[in-house]
Amino acid sequence: MDSALVPLHRIAGPVTTYCDADEIIAYARAINDPSPRYLSGETTPPTYAAVPATAAILRAEQIPPEALRGSAGRVHGTYDLHIHKPITPGTHLHTTADRCAVTASTAGMSVTVRLLSHDDDGDLTVEQFWSTLVRGPVTGGDQGERLADFAFPEPARANRIGSVSLPTTRDQTFR
């Protein structure tokens, strides 16, 4: 693979999506979130932001085959979510997708897309960084923007403050 052949900063969108209360309720059920505010459609779970993001990312320009030559598949990488304003049911979000960085590693290349969602007033609602790891040997080095390092600090591992267990139902992956 050659990271230098991955096109950057070719913005797709905006893609307009409607934040429907029934869809929000279905999303909350799909992720097993028991919050009454989500299950009533009154407000949205934070990760609902992935719904309009998916619509925009699907419109982004495909990575050329020559950049992917020698790859061994793709897996979801990281997901960084910055909520600037709550997503309100009943509003439209206008989301753009901008492939902003490629980071090379021994595992392959991590391709990151920045997704910006604005409401009808033009206010930035959500900023997301969504990466995909394309597995395999890579040449070309890092390209594009330098992204924040989200490595968990080693000293913090010794100071555990708690844990959370979340249930997963057998049908969760396909409903």
Protein backbone atom coordinates (compact mmCIF):
# COMPACT_ATOMS: atom_id res chain seq x y z
CA MET A 1 0.00 0.00 0.00
CA ASP A 2 1.11 3.55 -0.59
CA SER A 3 -0.23 6.19 1.80
CA ALA A 4 1.03 8.97 -0.49
CA LEU A 5 -1.63 7.92 -3.05
CA VAL A 6 -4.56 8.43 -0.66
CA PRO A 7 -6.39 11.63 -1.66
CA LEU A 8 -6.88 14.07 1.20
CA HIS A 9 -9.16 17.08 1.76
CA ARG A 10 -11.73 16.32 -0.92
CA ILE A 11 -14.82 17.21 1.06
CA ALA A 12 -18.00 15.21 0.51
CA GLY A 13 -21.37 16.70 1.30
CA PRO A 14 -23.02 18.26 3.04
CA VAL A 15 -25.35 15.32 3.46
CA THR A 16 -28.59 16.33 5.18
CA THR A 17 -30.21 13.91 7.63
CA TYR A 18 -33.30 14.34 9.76
CA CYS A 19 -33.04 13.41 13.46
CA ASP A 20 -36.31 11.54 13.78
CA ALA A 21 -37.55 10.75 17.30
CA ASP A 22 -38.63 7.23 16.25
CA GLU A 23 -35.20 6.55 14.75
CA ILE A 24 -33.56 7.80 17.96
CA ILE A 25 -35.74 5.45 20.02
CA ALA A 26 -34.84 2.54 17.73
CA TYR A 27 -31.15 3.47 18.01
CA ALA A 28 -31.33 3.56 21.83
CA ARG A 29 -32.94 0.12 21.82
CA ALA A 30 -30.34 -1.21 19.37
CA ILE A 31 -27.49 -0.19 21.68
CA ASN A 32 -29.32 -1.42 24.82
CA ASP A 33 -29.41 2.06 26.36
CA PRO A 34 -32.09 2.05 29.08
CA SER A 35 -32.24 5.83 29.56
CA PRO A 36 -35.90 6.93 29.61
CA ARG A 37 -34.90 10.20 27.87
CA TYR A 38 -33.54 8.25 24.90
CA LEU A 39 -36.31 5.65 24.85
CA SER A 40 -38.93 8.43 24.73
CA GLY A 41 -37.17 10.24 21.86
CA GLU A 42 -36.78 13.34 24.06
CA THR A 43 -33.03 13.52 23.44
CA THR A 44 -30.33 11.51 21.68
CA PRO A 45 -27.63 9.17 22.98
CA PRO A 46 -24.21 10.74 22.31
CA THR A 47 -23.20 7.97 19.92
CA TYR A 48 -26.29 8.64 17.76
CA ALA A 49 -23.96 11.13 16.06
CA ALA A 50 -22.61 8.14 14.11
CA VAL A 51 -25.93 7.92 12.20
CA PRO A 52 -25.57 11.16 10.19
CA ALA A 53 -21.81 10.55 10.00
CA THR A 54 -22.36 7.22 8.27
CA ALA A 55 -24.50 8.87 5.60
CA ALA A 56 -21.71 11.38 4.90
CA ILE A 57 -18.82 8.93 5.01
CA LEU A 58 -20.55 6.76 2.41
CA ARG A 59 -20.49 9.74 0.05
CA ALA A 60 -16.75 10.30 0.47
CA GLU A 61 -14.50 9.58 -2.49
CA GLN A 62 -13.21 6.01 -2.53
CA ILE A 63 -9.52 5.37 -1.96
CA PRO A 64 -7.95 4.48 -5.32
CA PRO A 65 -7.09 0.78 -5.82
CA GLU A 66 -3.42 1.58 -6.45
CA ALA A 67 -3.17 3.06 -2.92
CA LEU A 68 -4.62 -0.15 -1.46
CA ARG A 69 -2.56 -2.65 -3.48
CA GLY A 70 -1.27 -5.33 -1.10
CA SER A 71 -3.80 -4.64 1.66
CA ALA A 72 -5.08 -7.49 3.80
CA GLY A 73 -8.51 -6.08 4.69
CA ARG A 74 -9.93 -3.24 6.75
CA VAL A 75 -11.16 -2.91 10.31
CA HIS A 76 -12.73 -0.07 12.27
CA GLY A 77 -9.98 1.88 13.98
CA THR A 78 -10.71 4.72 16.38
CA TYR A 79 -13.68 6.98 16.94
CA ASP A 80 -13.26 10.39 18.56
CA LEU A 81 -16.45 12.33 19.28
CA HIS A 82 -16.60 16.04 20.21
CA ILE A 83 -20.10 17.22 21.08
CA HIS A 84 -20.40 20.99 20.71
CA LYS A 85 -24.16 21.17 21.06
CA PRO A 86 -26.73 18.47 21.85
CA ILE A 87 -28.42 16.85 18.87
CA THR A 88 -32.08 17.78 19.15
CA PRO A 89 -34.74 15.39 17.85
CA GLY A 90 -36.75 16.97 15.04
CA THR A 91 -33.84 18.88 13.52
CA HIS A 92 -31.76 18.44 10.41
CA LEU A 93 -28.01 17.89 10.49
CA HIS A 94 -25.84 18.84 7.54
CA THR A 95 -22.69 16.71 7.65
CA THR A 96 -19.49 16.90 5.62
CA ALA A 97 -16.77 14.26 5.39
CA ASP A 98 -13.12 15.23 4.92
CA ARG A 99 -10.40 12.57 4.74
CA CYS A 100 -7.80 14.51 6.68
CA ALA A 101 -4.97 12.13 7.61
CA VAL A 102 -3.23 8.85 6.93
CA THR A 103 -0.98 7.47 9.64
CA ALA A 104 1.42 4.64 8.79
CA SER A 105 2.35 1.91 11.27
CA THR A 106 3.58 -1.66 11.27
CA ALA A 107 -0.07 -2.80 11.26
CA GLY A 108 -0.91 -0.81 8.11
CA MET A 109 -2.32 2.62 7.48
CA SER A 110 -4.97 4.34 9.55
CA VAL A 111 -7.15 6.53 7.34
CA THR A 112 -8.98 9.24 9.29
CA VAL A 113 -12.06 11.16 8.17
CA ARG A 114 -13.19 14.33 9.98
CA LEU A 115 -16.97 14.66 10.03
CA LEU A 116 -18.58 18.00 10.85
CA SER A 117 -22.32 18.21 11.54
CA HIS A 118 -24.07 21.59 11.59
CA ASP A 119 -27.71 22.24 12.47
CA ASP A 120 -30.11 24.44 10.47
CA ASP A 121 -28.83 27.52 12.33
CA GLY A 122 -25.32 26.79 11.05
CA ASP A 123 -24.04 25.89 14.52
CA LEU A 124 -21.42 23.16 14.77
CA THR A 125 -23.16 20.36 16.64
CA VAL A 126 -20.74 17.46 16.44
CA GLU A 127 -17.16 16.96 15.25
CA GLN A 128 -16.03 13.36 14.77
CA PHE A 129 -12.80 11.68 13.75
CA TRP A 130 -13.48 8.24 12.34
CA SER A 131 -10.58 6.02 11.35
CA THR A 132 -10.26 2.79 9.45
CA LEU A 133 -7.17 0.60 9.72
CA VAL A 134 -6.20 -0.82 6.35
CA ARG A 135 -4.02 -3.81 7.21
CA GLY A 136 -0.77 -4.62 5.43
CA PRO A 137 2.67 -3.24 4.66
CA VAL A 138 2.64 0.46 3.82
CA THR A 139 5.02 2.90 2.16
CA GLY A 140 4.66 6.66 1.88
CA GLY A 141 4.68 7.54 5.59
CA ASP A 142 2.23 9.80 7.39
CA GLN A 143 0.17 12.18 5.26
CA GLY A 144 -2.09 15.10 6.11
CA GLU A 145 -2.90 16.52 9.52
CA ARG A 146 -1.18 15.51 12.71
CA LEU A 147 -3.87 14.04 14.94
CA ALA A 148 -4.12 14.13 18.73
CA ASP A 149 -2.51 11.23 20.61
CA PHE A 150 -5.09 9.39 22.68
CA ALA A 151 -2.81 6.78 24.19
CA PHE A 152 -3.87 5.89 27.72
CA PRO A 153 -1.14 7.15 30.09
CA GLU A 154 0.71 4.33 31.83
CA PRO A 155 0.67 6.01 35.32
CA ALA A 156 -3.14 6.16 35.16
CA ARG A 157 -3.39 2.38 34.82
CA ALA A 158 -2.22 2.00 38.43
CA ASN A 159 -4.97 4.34 39.70
CA ARG A 160 -8.13 2.60 38.60
CA ILE A 161 -11.20 4.56 39.69
CA GLY A 162 -13.90 2.08 38.76
CA SER A 163 -15.35 -0.18 36.12
CA VAL A 164 -18.59 -0.54 34.20
CA SER A 165 -20.15 -3.66 32.76
CA LEU A 166 -22.69 -3.31 29.98
CA PRO A 167 -24.97 -6.13 28.90
CA THR A 168 -24.90 -7.42 25.33
CA THR A 169 -27.85 -9.37 24.03
CA ARG A 170 -27.54 -12.21 21.53
CA ASP A 171 -29.37 -10.29 18.81
CA GLN A 172 -27.60 -6.95 19.29
CA THR A 173 -25.29 -7.26 16.31
CA PHE A 174 -28.05 -7.69 13.74
CA ARG A 175 -31.01 -5.63 14.90
